[in-house]
Amino acid sequence: MNVRDSEAVEALLSAAGHVRVDEESDAELVIVNSCTVRDMAERKAVGKCGNLIAAKEGRGRQSETGGRVKVVGLMGCAVKRMGTDVFKALPGLDFAVGPRRFGTIPRLVERCLAGETRILELPDDDEVPAGMDAHGGGASFQSYVTILLGCDNRCSYCIVPDVRGHEYSRPAKEVVAEVRALAARGVKEVCLLGQSVLRYGVRNKAWTADDPASPGGYVEAFPRLLEALSAIDGLERIRFTSAHPKGCTDELVRAYAEFPKVCRHLHLPVQSGSDRILAAMGRRYTRAEYLSAIARLRAFDPEFAVTTDVIVGYPGETDDDFEATRSLMDEAGFDNAFVFKYSPRPGTRSAALPDDVPTAEKERRDQILLAGQQQRGLMRNNRLAGTVREVLVEGPSLRNAARWSGRDGGNRIVVFEPERPLTPGDLVKVRIAEAHPQILVGALV
């Protein structure tokens, strides 16, 4: 989501006459886009701003910006959480902008260049940002598209609803027009973004009776949107993230089955396998309901890729609770999992609870789940050996420039020898020869 917001800001600044540079040392304007979902992420953003301000004021490491920087800004979730305290932490900051106000940044930069400083723009919880559909003019075959802002789930540990505000679903007409324009520019894959993307259209009506984009046929707004986007010429793949198990309905499964452009991969955070901890977290589903959602997805496609997020060390998590999480991961057969050690965030319900799982125990549980996922990922990928995958080429492999890589419909990384001239964005067939826990290796067919 921050990548997408940053892209939009870059496009807005370019339209206002600013020129992007490739190296930070050449920049006169530097904006740090912050995250506050975990404490360390916020600390890194604030620390980076502090270094930039020191360089601007002639203190610290001049090499960081080459002494050229004139304006330093901070945007995103940390600004919303900190409010006016942001200028106590960063007295030399020129401007700070909350997550739904990034459309004002070009105007704020002009004010800063005219001599103003310490400008704060905080959104209200229902504000709809300007510039959400702004995209840069550079050629790319992939693009993010925001369809849902904010979150109303209110999980006990999560600060996102406080900093990103209430849910707002962009009108389907706007989304379809944006994706159609991207496809006309050569974009082959879009990823639809929302904090809980399957709730698209729940809080506010995304479709209208006179909407020419409305395909009809579905009751639920999100599957209808997938149907409308699948009809766009030139678009090859549709992805989306992140999901909540409550939205994994029969209508969603039907959309996966009927529209081949919708990639068969779902990131479905589980957070815990213990019903007791799930209830304490306010997740609104049980272990059995979560596993039932995965069963529906794999009933029509056993290769359907499911990835997840897990939290270890939530307040009060016992050895039995942890064992329930470990066993759920085995039963679910995740293709990949991202494991996080619990840390309290200010203002959340869980922050009032004693953080009673020792750090060393959190680390132990973290390592056990990661090791288990390595085995599980290898087992899942081994089943694909000998199969032919359709791969969207991304370019040279990061680890071996002689090889190229891309992703299949399940979002699995596939590495192969190019063997013939290729361009990022090409769709190719690759026969899988080797399986590893997180990558597949094969040869072009």
Protein backbone atom coordinates (compact mmCIF):
# COMPACT_ATOMS: atom_id res chain seq x y z
CA MET A 1 0.00 0.00 0.00
CA ASN A 2 2.86 2.37 0.78
CA VAL A 3 4.51 1.50 -2.53
CA ARG A 4 1.30 2.48 -4.31
CA ASP A 5 0.93 5.72 -2.35
CA SER A 6 4.57 6.57 -3.12
CA GLU A 7 3.99 5.95 -6.83
CA ALA A 8 0.98 8.27 -6.78
CA VAL A 9 2.96 11.03 -5.03
CA GLU A 10 5.80 10.67 -7.54
CA ALA A 11 3.32 11.03 -10.41
CA LEU A 12 1.70 14.09 -8.81
CA LEU A 13 5.07 15.76 -8.24
CA SER A 14 6.16 15.02 -11.81
CA ALA A 15 2.93 16.55 -13.11
CA ALA A 16 3.71 19.66 -11.03
CA GLY A 17 7.08 20.04 -12.76
CA HIS A 18 9.43 18.28 -10.38
CA VAL A 19 12.03 15.89 -11.79
CA ARG A 20 12.75 12.49 -10.25
CA VAL A 21 16.40 11.61 -9.60
CA ASP A 22 17.83 8.13 -9.33
CA GLU A 23 20.16 8.73 -6.39
CA GLU A 24 19.23 10.16 -3.02
CA SER A 25 22.48 12.14 -3.01
CA ASP A 26 21.17 14.16 -5.99
CA ALA A 27 17.80 15.03 -4.39
CA GLU A 28 16.68 18.47 -3.21
CA LEU A 29 13.38 17.06 -1.95
CA VAL A 30 13.19 13.80 0.01
CA ILE A 31 9.94 12.36 1.39
CA VAL A 32 9.91 9.36 3.72
CA ASN A 33 6.76 7.24 3.52
CA SER A 34 6.20 5.70 6.94
CA CYS A 35 4.55 2.59 8.37
CA THR A 36 3.49 2.21 12.00
CA VAL A 37 1.99 -1.28 12.02
CA ARG A 38 5.04 -2.34 14.06
CA ASP A 39 7.16 -0.20 16.35
CA MET A 40 10.43 -0.91 14.51
CA ALA A 41 8.98 0.28 11.18
CA GLU A 42 8.05 3.63 12.71
CA ARG A 43 11.44 3.99 14.38
CA LYS A 44 13.22 3.42 11.07
CA ALA A 45 11.15 6.08 9.30
CA VAL A 46 11.67 8.66 12.04
CA GLY A 47 15.38 7.83 12.24
CA LYS A 48 15.78 8.24 8.50
CA CYS A 49 14.08 11.64 8.62
CA GLY A 50 16.39 12.67 11.45
CA ASN A 51 19.45 11.85 9.37
CA LEU A 52 18.08 13.79 6.39
CA ILE A 53 17.30 16.83 8.53
CA ALA A 54 20.80 16.74 10.02
CA ALA A 55 22.29 16.69 6.53
CA LYS A 56 20.03 19.56 5.44
CA GLU A 57 21.13 21.63 8.43
CA GLY A 58 24.81 20.89 7.83
CA ARG A 59 25.10 18.36 10.63
CA GLY A 60 25.75 14.64 10.40
CA ARG A 61 26.62 12.83 7.20
CA GLN A 62 26.51 15.18 4.23
CA SER A 63 27.04 12.21 1.92
CA GLU A 64 23.49 11.07 2.65
CA THR A 65 22.12 13.81 0.40
CA GLY A 66 25.27 15.37 -0.99
CA GLY A 67 24.37 18.60 0.83
CA ARG A 68 21.69 19.38 -1.78
CA VAL A 69 18.53 18.62 0.19
CA LYS A 70 16.28 21.64 0.76
CA VAL A 71 12.99 20.04 1.86
CA VAL A 72 12.38 16.96 4.02
CA GLY A 73 8.86 15.56 4.40
CA LEU A 74 7.29 12.64 6.25
CA MET A 75 4.11 11.00 5.01
CA GLY A 76 2.00 7.98 5.96
CA CYS A 77 0.71 6.20 9.02
CA ALA A 78 3.33 7.33 11.54
CA VAL A 79 2.24 10.93 10.96
CA LYS A 80 -1.36 10.10 11.81
CA ARG A 81 -0.33 8.25 14.97
CA MET A 82 2.11 10.93 16.19
CA GLY A 83 0.03 13.99 15.29
CA THR A 84 1.61 17.25 16.43
CA ASP A 85 4.22 15.26 18.37
CA VAL A 86 5.93 14.58 15.05
CA PHE A 87 7.57 18.01 15.29
CA LYS A 88 8.77 17.28 18.82
CA ALA A 89 10.52 14.18 17.54
CA LEU A 90 11.70 15.95 14.37
CA PRO A 91 11.96 19.72 15.00
CA GLY A 92 13.55 20.42 11.61
CA LEU A 93 10.91 18.58 9.56
CA ASP A 94 9.42 20.75 6.81
CA PHE A 95 6.07 19.00 6.44
CA ALA A 96 4.17 15.93 7.64
CA VAL A 97 1.18 14.40 5.85
CA GLY A 98 -1.21 11.68 7.01
CA PRO A 99 -2.08 8.69 4.79
CA ARG A 100 -5.24 10.14 3.20
CA ARG A 101 -3.77 13.57 2.45
CA PHE A 102 -0.92 12.71 0.11
CA GLY A 103 -2.66 14.53 -2.75
CA THR A 104 -1.75 17.82 -1.07
CA ILE A 105 2.01 17.18 -1.20
CA PRO A 106 2.81 19.17 -4.40
CA ARG A 107 1.13 22.24 -2.88
CA LEU A 108 2.91 21.73 0.44
CA VAL A 109 6.29 21.51 -1.28
CA GLU A 110 5.67 24.87 -2.96
CA ARG A 111 4.80 26.39 0.43
CA CYS A 112 8.02 25.00 1.89
CA LEU A 113 10.10 26.38 -0.97
CA ALA A 114 8.45 29.76 -0.30
CA GLY A 115 9.73 29.66 3.27
CA GLU A 116 7.06 27.91 5.35
CA THR A 117 7.99 25.01 7.57
CA ARG A 118 6.51 22.56 10.10
CA ILE A 119 3.33 22.12 8.05
CA LEU A 120 1.01 19.36 9.29
CA GLU A 121 -1.82 17.81 7.25
CA LEU A 122 -3.89 15.23 9.12
CA PRO A 123 -6.87 13.51 7.43
CA ASP A 124 -10.18 12.76 9.06
CA ASP A 125 -11.24 9.12 9.23
CA ASP A 126 -13.54 9.34 6.20
CA GLU A 127 -11.47 11.50 3.89
CA VAL A 128 -11.09 10.34 0.29
CA PRO A 129 -7.62 11.31 -0.98
CA ALA A 130 -7.06 13.16 -4.22
CA GLY A 131 -4.68 11.64 -6.75
CA MET A 132 -5.42 7.99 -5.99
CA ASP A 133 -5.47 7.15 -9.70
CA ALA A 134 -2.19 8.95 -10.48
CA HIS A 135 0.40 6.74 -12.17
CA GLY A 136 3.82 7.65 -13.56
CA GLY A 137 4.47 7.66 -17.27
CA GLY A 138 7.21 5.04 -17.19
CA ALA A 139 6.69 1.72 -18.94
CA SER A 140 5.82 -1.17 -16.64
CA PHE A 141 3.92 -4.39 -17.06
CA GLN A 142 2.70 -4.51 -13.44
CA SER A 143 0.78 -1.98 -11.39
CA TYR A 144 -0.95 -1.59 -8.04
CA VAL A 145 -4.51 -0.23 -7.88
CA THR A 146 -6.06 0.83 -4.58
CA ILE A 147 -9.73 -0.15 -4.34
CA LEU A 148 -10.37 -0.03 -0.58
CA LEU A 149 -9.11 2.47 1.98
CA GLY A 150 -9.04 2.02 5.73
CA CYS A 151 -10.27 -0.85 7.85
CA ASP A 152 -13.24 -1.44 10.18
CA ASN A 153 -12.25 -4.87 11.49
CA ARG A 154 -10.73 -3.56 14.74
CA CYS A 155 -8.52 -6.53 15.62
CA SER A 156 -7.24 -6.07 19.17
CA TYR A 157 -3.53 -5.78 18.25
CA CYS A 158 -3.84 -3.65 15.10
CA ILE A 159 -3.30 0.09 14.87
CA VAL A 160 -4.32 0.34 11.19
CA PRO A 161 -7.96 1.45 11.76
CA ASP A 162 -6.69 4.33 13.92
CA VAL A 163 -4.18 5.58 11.35
CA ARG A 164 -5.84 4.73 8.02
CA GLY A 165 -9.42 5.52 9.01
CA HIS A 166 -12.77 3.99 8.18
CA GLU A 167 -13.32 1.76 5.17
CA TYR A 168 -14.09 3.43 1.87
CA SER A 169 -14.62 1.49 -1.35
CA ARG A 170 -13.77 3.42 -4.50
CA PRO A 171 -16.58 3.44 -7.06
CA ALA A 172 -16.30 0.51 -9.44
CA LYS A 173 -16.57 2.93 -12.37
CA GLU A 174 -13.36 4.65 -11.26
CA VAL A 175 -11.49 1.38 -10.67
CA VAL A 176 -12.46 -0.09 -14.03
CA ALA A 177 -11.50 3.13 -15.85
CA GLU A 178 -8.11 3.20 -14.09
CA VAL A 179 -7.33 -0.42 -14.93
CA ARG A 180 -8.51 0.01 -18.54
CA ALA A 181 -6.14 2.99 -18.92
CA LEU A 182 -3.27 0.97 -17.43
CA ALA A 183 -3.94 -1.93 -19.81
CA ALA A 184 -3.91 0.49 -22.74
CA ARG A 185 -0.41 1.53 -21.62
CA GLY A 186 0.81 -2.05 -21.66
CA VAL A 187 0.19 -3.13 -18.06
CA LYS A 188 -0.47 -6.87 -18.05
CA GLU A 189 -0.94 -7.51 -14.33
CA VAL A 190 -2.70 -5.45 -11.68
CA CYS A 191 -2.78 -6.07 -7.94
CA LEU A 192 -5.88 -4.70 -6.20
CA LEU A 193 -5.10 -3.27 -2.77
CA GLY A 194 -7.12 -3.03 0.41
CA GLN A 195 -6.41 -3.61 4.08
CA SER A 196 -9.22 -6.18 4.02
CA VAL A 197 -9.84 -6.24 0.30
CA LEU A 198 -12.69 -8.76 0.30
CA ARG A 199 -14.82 -6.19 2.18
CA TYR A 200 -14.90 -4.06 -0.97
CA GLY A 201 -18.35 -2.49 -1.27
CA VAL A 202 -19.48 -3.42 2.25
CA ARG A 203 -19.47 -0.02 3.99
CA ASN A 204 -20.36 2.17 1.03
CA LYS A 205 -22.03 1.27 -2.24
CA ALA A 206 -19.40 0.68 -4.90
CA TRP A 207 -21.88 0.07 -7.73
CA THR A 208 -24.67 2.34 -8.95
CA ALA A 209 -27.69 1.40 -11.05
CA ASP A 210 -26.49 3.47 -14.02
CA ASP A 211 -22.89 2.26 -13.80
CA PRO A 212 -21.87 1.13 -17.29
CA ALA A 213 -19.10 -0.99 -15.79
CA SER A 214 -21.53 -3.10 -13.80
CA PRO A 215 -21.58 -6.61 -15.31
CA GLY A 216 -24.46 -7.89 -13.23
CA GLY A 217 -24.74 -11.49 -12.14
CA TYR A 218 -23.18 -11.30 -8.69
CA VAL A 219 -24.61 -10.18 -5.39
CA GLU A 220 -21.23 -9.48 -3.76
CA ALA A 221 -19.37 -6.38 -4.89
CA PHE A 222 -15.84 -7.79 -5.00
CA PRO A 223 -16.55 -10.80 -7.25
CA ARG A 224 -18.49 -8.43 -9.53
CA LEU A 225 -15.45 -6.19 -9.74
CA LEU A 226 -13.26 -9.17 -10.68
CA GLU A 227 -15.74 -10.01 -13.44
CA ALA A 228 -15.67 -6.46 -14.82
CA LEU A 229 -11.86 -6.28 -14.78
CA SER A 230 -11.55 -9.70 -16.42
CA ALA A 231 -13.30 -8.28 -19.49
CA ILE A 232 -10.60 -5.64 -20.11
CA ASP A 233 -8.60 -6.32 -23.27
CA GLY A 234 -4.84 -6.57 -22.81
CA LEU A 235 -5.01 -7.32 -19.10
CA GLU A 236 -3.61 -10.80 -18.44
CA ARG A 237 -3.58 -11.20 -14.67
CA ILE A 238 -5.49 -9.91 -11.64
CA ARG A 239 -4.16 -10.27 -8.11
CA PHE A 240 -5.37 -8.80 -4.83
CA THR A 241 -4.27 -8.48 -1.21
CA SER A 242 -4.91 -8.70 1.70
CA ALA A 243 -7.88 -10.92 2.59
CA HIS A 244 -9.92 -11.86 5.65
CA PRO A 245 -11.34 -15.40 6.01
CA LYS A 246 -14.89 -14.02 6.39
CA GLY A 247 -14.73 -12.86 2.78
CA CYS A 248 -13.70 -16.24 1.39
CA THR A 249 -17.22 -17.13 0.22
CA ASP A 250 -18.67 -19.44 -2.41
CA GLU A 251 -19.05 -16.39 -4.69
CA LEU A 252 -15.34 -15.66 -4.44
CA VAL A 253 -14.49 -19.27 -5.24
CA ARG A 254 -16.85 -19.07 -8.20
CA ALA A 255 -14.98 -15.99 -9.46
CA TYR A 256 -11.66 -17.84 -9.23
CA ALA A 257 -13.13 -20.76 -11.14
CA GLU A 258 -14.87 -18.75 -13.87
CA PHE A 259 -12.36 -15.99 -14.61
CA PRO A 260 -8.94 -17.36 -15.58
CA LYS A 261 -7.30 -13.93 -15.36
CA VAL A 262 -7.79 -14.01 -11.57
CA CYS A 263 -4.60 -15.59 -10.22
CA ARG A 264 -5.09 -18.64 -8.02
CA HIS A 265 -3.29 -17.28 -5.00
CA LEU A 266 -4.73 -15.78 -1.82
CA HIS A 267 -2.88 -14.17 1.06
CA LEU A 268 -5.14 -15.10 3.98
CA PRO A 269 -3.74 -14.06 7.37
CA VAL A 270 -4.65 -16.52 10.14
CA GLN A 271 -2.63 -14.96 13.02
CA SER A 272 -3.29 -17.91 15.38
CA GLY A 273 -4.58 -21.47 15.32
CA SER A 274 -6.03 -21.26 18.83
CA ASP A 275 -9.73 -20.44 19.11
CA ARG A 276 -9.07 -18.82 22.49
CA ILE A 277 -6.42 -16.48 21.08
CA LEU A 278 -8.45 -15.79 17.91
CA ALA A 279 -11.35 -14.65 20.12
CA ALA A 280 -9.04 -12.46 22.19
CA MET A 281 -7.67 -10.94 18.98
CA GLY A 282 -11.19 -10.15 17.74
CA ARG A 283 -10.62 -12.03 14.51
CA ARG A 284 -14.30 -13.13 14.20
CA TYR A 285 -13.66 -16.68 12.95
CA THR A 286 -12.71 -20.01 14.43
CA ARG A 287 -9.96 -22.42 13.52
CA ALA A 288 -12.52 -24.68 11.85
CA GLU A 289 -13.97 -21.81 9.80
CA TYR A 290 -10.52 -20.80 8.61
CA LEU A 291 -9.63 -24.33 7.51
CA SER A 292 -13.01 -24.61 5.79
CA ALA A 293 -12.18 -21.52 3.71
CA ILE A 294 -8.93 -23.13 2.52
CA ALA A 295 -10.75 -26.38 1.77
CA ARG A 296 -13.19 -24.51 -0.51
CA LEU A 297 -10.31 -22.96 -2.46
CA ARG A 298 -8.44 -26.22 -2.94
CA ALA A 299 -11.53 -28.30 -3.69
CA PHE A 300 -11.57 -26.93 -7.24
CA ASP A 301 -7.77 -26.56 -7.57
CA PRO A 302 -5.42 -28.60 -5.34
CA GLU A 303 -2.52 -26.39 -6.50
CA PHE A 304 -4.24 -23.22 -5.25
CA ALA A 305 -1.57 -21.23 -3.37
CA VAL A 306 -2.39 -19.91 0.09
CA THR A 307 0.01 -17.72 2.05
CA THR A 308 -0.54 -16.32 5.53
CA ASP A 309 0.56 -14.13 8.43
CA VAL A 310 1.04 -15.49 11.96
CA ILE A 311 1.68 -13.72 15.27
CA VAL A 312 3.56 -15.53 18.05
CA GLY A 313 3.63 -14.40 21.66
CA TYR A 314 0.27 -12.62 21.81
CA PRO A 315 -0.55 -11.77 25.47
CA GLY A 316 -1.57 -14.92 27.31
CA GLU A 317 -0.49 -17.32 24.54
CA THR A 318 0.29 -20.63 26.25
CA ASP A 319 2.25 -23.61 24.98
CA ASP A 320 -1.06 -25.25 24.07
CA ASP A 321 -2.16 -22.17 22.10
CA PHE A 322 1.14 -22.18 20.24
CA GLU A 323 0.83 -25.90 19.49
CA ALA A 324 -2.64 -25.21 18.05
CA THR A 325 -1.06 -22.66 15.68
CA ARG A 326 1.72 -25.05 14.67
CA SER A 327 -0.75 -27.86 13.94
CA LEU A 328 -3.06 -25.56 11.96
CA MET A 329 -0.15 -24.59 9.73
CA ASP A 330 0.52 -28.24 9.01
CA GLU A 331 -3.15 -28.92 8.32
CA ALA A 332 -3.58 -25.87 6.10
CA GLY A 333 -0.46 -26.67 4.06
CA PHE A 334 0.54 -23.07 3.45
CA ASP A 335 2.70 -22.30 0.45
CA ASN A 336 4.45 -19.57 2.43
CA ALA A 337 4.04 -17.90 5.80
CA PHE A 338 5.23 -14.65 7.37
CA VAL A 339 5.75 -14.98 11.11
CA PHE A 340 5.86 -11.95 13.41
CA LYS A 341 6.70 -11.64 17.08
CA TYR A 342 3.96 -9.74 18.90
CA SER A 343 4.74 -6.18 19.94
CA PRO A 344 2.12 -3.85 21.49
CA ARG A 345 1.01 -0.78 19.55
CA PRO A 346 -0.24 2.29 21.43
CA GLY A 347 -4.00 2.74 21.63
CA THR A 348 -4.89 -0.84 20.67
CA ARG A 349 -6.90 -3.05 23.02
CA SER A 350 -4.09 -5.55 23.45
CA ALA A 351 -1.68 -2.79 24.53
CA ALA A 352 -3.54 -2.73 27.86
CA LEU A 353 -2.73 -6.41 28.43
CA PRO A 354 0.50 -7.60 30.05
CA ASP A 355 3.05 -8.52 27.38
CA ASP A 356 3.72 -11.72 29.30
CA VAL A 357 5.43 -13.99 26.78
CA PRO A 358 9.20 -13.52 27.23
CA THR A 359 11.18 -12.25 24.25
CA ALA A 360 13.29 -15.42 24.18
CA GLU A 361 10.15 -17.56 24.04
CA LYS A 362 8.71 -15.45 21.22
CA GLU A 363 11.93 -15.99 19.29
CA ARG A 364 11.84 -19.75 19.94
CA ARG A 365 8.27 -20.04 18.69
CA ASP A 366 9.10 -17.85 15.69
CA GLN A 367 11.98 -20.13 14.68
CA ILE A 368 9.90 -23.29 15.10
CA LEU A 369 7.21 -21.98 12.75
CA LEU A 370 9.73 -20.73 10.20
CA ALA A 371 11.52 -24.08 10.15
CA GLY A 372 8.21 -25.88 9.74
CA GLN A 373 7.28 -23.62 6.85
CA GLN A 374 10.55 -24.41 5.06
CA GLN A 375 9.59 -28.09 5.09
CA ARG A 376 5.99 -27.35 4.16
CA GLY A 377 6.98 -25.07 1.30
CA LEU A 378 9.34 -27.71 -0.09
CA MET A 379 6.62 -30.36 0.12
CA ARG A 380 4.11 -28.14 -1.69
CA ASN A 381 6.62 -27.20 -4.40
CA ASN A 382 7.82 -30.79 -4.88
CA ARG A 383 4.34 -31.64 -6.14
CA LEU A 384 4.87 -29.20 -9.02
CA ALA A 385 8.02 -30.88 -10.35
CA GLY A 386 7.46 -31.89 -13.96
CA THR A 387 4.50 -29.55 -14.45
CA VAL A 388 4.46 -26.66 -16.91
CA ARG A 389 3.81 -23.23 -15.36
CA GLU A 390 2.77 -20.05 -17.14
CA VAL A 391 5.23 -17.43 -15.93
CA LEU A 392 5.08 -13.66 -16.20
CA VAL A 393 8.71 -12.67 -16.82
CA GLU A 394 10.07 -10.05 -14.41
CA GLY A 395 13.73 -9.89 -15.50
CA PRO A 396 17.16 -11.17 -14.44
CA SER A 397 17.26 -13.10 -11.18
CA LEU A 398 18.51 -11.08 -8.22
CA ARG A 399 20.90 -13.85 -7.18
CA ASN A 400 22.17 -14.95 -10.59
CA ALA A 401 22.08 -12.48 -13.49
CA ALA A 402 22.60 -15.33 -15.98
CA ARG A 403 19.14 -16.61 -15.07
CA TRP A 404 15.81 -14.86 -15.35
CA SER A 405 12.84 -15.09 -13.04
CA GLY A 406 9.12 -14.45 -12.92
CA ARG A 407 6.02 -15.64 -11.12
CA ASP A 408 3.38 -18.19 -11.92
CA GLY A 409 -0.31 -17.70 -11.19
CA GLY A 410 0.23 -18.91 -7.64
CA ASN A 411 2.74 -16.09 -7.03
CA ARG A 412 5.58 -18.63 -6.83
CA ILE A 413 9.00 -17.41 -7.97
CA VAL A 414 10.16 -19.39 -11.01
CA VAL A 415 13.82 -19.21 -12.13
CA PHE A 416 14.98 -20.31 -15.60
CA GLU A 417 17.67 -19.87 -18.27
CA PRO A 418 16.46 -17.24 -20.80
CA GLU A 419 17.70 -19.25 -23.85
CA ARG A 420 16.07 -16.73 -26.22
CA PRO A 421 15.53 -12.95 -26.14
CA LEU A 422 12.95 -12.03 -23.52
CA THR A 423 11.40 -8.81 -22.27
CA PRO A 424 9.96 -8.17 -18.79
CA GLY A 425 6.22 -8.66 -19.12
CA ASP A 426 6.43 -11.62 -21.51
CA LEU A 427 4.30 -14.65 -20.68
CA VAL A 428 6.25 -17.88 -21.11
CA LYS A 429 5.85 -21.57 -20.34
CA VAL A 430 8.40 -23.15 -17.98
CA ARG A 431 8.70 -26.85 -17.19
CA ILE A 432 9.70 -27.27 -13.53
CA ALA A 433 12.80 -29.39 -12.92
CA GLU A 434 13.73 -28.50 -9.34
CA ALA A 435 11.73 -27.50 -6.27
CA HIS A 436 12.99 -25.48 -3.32
CA PRO A 437 11.07 -24.18 -0.30
CA GLN A 438 10.46 -20.75 -1.84
CA ILE A 439 11.40 -21.03 -5.53
CA LEU A 440 10.93 -23.29 -8.52
CA VAL A 441 13.64 -23.85 -11.14
CA GLY A 442 12.90 -24.97 -14.68
CA ALA A 443 13.48 -24.59 -18.39
CA LEU A 444 11.57 -22.72 -21.10
CA VAL A 445 9.20 -24.90 -23.10
